[in-house]
């Protein structure tokens, strides 16, 4: 299991603006809340990035991250309607 790292100022901003933090993401990962792990679709602009699709509080969030040998740097967290429809609604049917 990789180590998880993030920018503390970004985490504070996310908690203030979106009421979610990287601690919530790590908790969801450990409790099997990961719905998908995909390569970022725009590798030209975001080379090497992946996106975790995570279920937190009955909604789907995208968490871009940069993997390295034994750690992941979490970039941000945002709610994603497209992934919510694709992964969560499908799960409920």
Protein backbone atom coordinates (compact mmCIF):
# COMPACT_ATOMS: atom_id res chain seq x y z
CA UNK A 1 0.00 0.00 0.00
CA UNK A 2 1.49 3.37 -0.99
CA UNK A 3 2.09 6.33 1.28
CA UNK A 4 -0.14 9.34 0.58
CA UNK A 5 1.11 12.92 0.44
CA UNK A 6 -0.53 16.26 -0.29
CA UNK A 7 -0.08 20.00 0.03
CA UNK A 8 -1.39 21.08 3.45
CA UNK A 9 -2.47 24.52 2.20
CA UNK A 10 -4.46 22.84 -0.59
CA UNK A 11 -6.04 20.53 1.98
CA UNK A 12 -7.10 23.53 4.12
CA UNK A 13 -8.55 25.27 1.06
CA UNK A 14 -10.51 22.14 0.08
CA UNK A 15 -11.89 21.76 3.61
CA UNK A 16 -13.02 25.40 3.64
CA UNK A 17 -14.51 25.48 0.13
CA UNK A 18 -15.74 21.92 -0.46
CA UNK A 19 -16.06 20.47 3.06
CA UNK A 20 -13.82 17.56 2.14
CA UNK A 21 -10.13 16.88 2.73
CA UNK A 22 -7.43 14.46 1.75
CA UNK A 23 -7.90 12.63 5.05
CA UNK A 24 -11.41 11.73 3.82
CA UNK A 25 -9.90 10.37 0.61
CA UNK A 26 -7.37 8.20 2.44
CA UNK A 27 -10.13 6.92 4.72
CA UNK A 28 -12.26 6.04 1.67
CA UNK A 29 -9.31 4.26 0.05
CA UNK A 30 -8.74 2.17 3.18
CA UNK A 31 -12.45 1.31 3.48
CA UNK A 32 -12.66 0.14 -0.15
CA UNK A 33 -14.44 3.25 -1.44
CA UNK A 34 -12.38 3.32 -4.64
CA UNK A 35 -14.64 2.74 -7.64
CA UNK A 36 -11.94 3.09 -10.30
CA UNK A 37 -8.33 4.06 -10.86
CA UNK A 38 -7.90 5.49 -14.34
CA UNK A 39 -5.10 7.12 -16.31
CA UNK A 40 -5.75 10.85 -16.70
CA UNK A 41 -7.39 11.27 -20.12
CA UNK A 42 -5.22 14.31 -20.99
CA UNK A 43 -1.70 12.91 -20.69
CA UNK A 44 -0.33 15.70 -22.86
CA UNK A 45 -1.25 18.32 -20.27
CA UNK A 46 -1.02 16.08 -17.17
CA UNK A 47 1.73 13.54 -17.93
CA UNK A 48 1.89 10.62 -15.54
CA UNK A 49 -1.25 11.58 -13.63
CA UNK A 50 -3.99 9.15 -12.71
CA UNK A 51 -7.46 9.76 -11.30
CA UNK A 52 -8.99 7.88 -8.40
CA UNK A 53 -12.76 7.70 -8.61
CA UNK A 54 -13.91 7.56 -4.99
CA UNK A 55 -17.26 7.29 -3.26
CA UNK A 56 -17.57 9.54 -0.21
CA UNK A 57 -20.92 10.26 1.48
CA UNK A 58 -22.93 8.73 -1.39
CA UNK A 59 -21.33 10.89 -4.08
CA UNK A 60 -18.46 10.32 -6.46
CA UNK A 61 -15.32 12.45 -6.32
CA UNK A 62 -12.37 12.57 -8.70
CA UNK A 63 -8.95 12.70 -7.07
CA UNK A 64 -6.08 13.33 -9.49
CA UNK A 65 -2.77 12.00 -8.20
CA UNK A 66 0.81 11.45 -9.28
CA UNK A 67 2.12 7.97 -8.49
CA UNK A 68 5.76 7.29 -7.73
CA UNK A 69 7.57 4.13 -6.66
CA UNK A 70 6.00 3.80 -3.20
CA UNK A 71 3.89 6.93 -2.72
CA UNK A 72 1.05 8.91 -4.27
CA UNK A 73 0.88 12.71 -4.30
CA UNK A 74 -2.80 13.69 -4.15
CA UNK A 75 -3.40 16.87 -6.20
CA UNK A 76 -7.01 17.90 -5.53
CA UNK A 77 -10.56 16.62 -4.94
CA UNK A 78 -13.64 17.56 -6.89
CA UNK A 79 -17.18 16.19 -7.20
CA UNK A 80 -17.77 14.75 -10.65
CA UNK A 81 -21.24 14.34 -12.14
CA UNK A 82 -19.97 12.30 -15.08
CA UNK A 83 -18.30 9.72 -12.83
CA UNK A 84 -21.25 9.83 -10.42
CA UNK A 85 -23.56 8.83 -13.26
CA UNK A 86 -21.16 6.22 -14.63
CA UNK A 87 -20.13 4.53 -11.37
CA UNK A 88 -22.64 5.29 -8.60
CA UNK A 89 -25.93 5.25 -10.49
CA UNK A 90 -24.83 2.03 -12.21
CA UNK A 91 -24.02 0.55 -8.79
CA UNK A 92 -27.53 1.35 -7.51
CA UNK A 93 -29.37 -0.29 -10.44
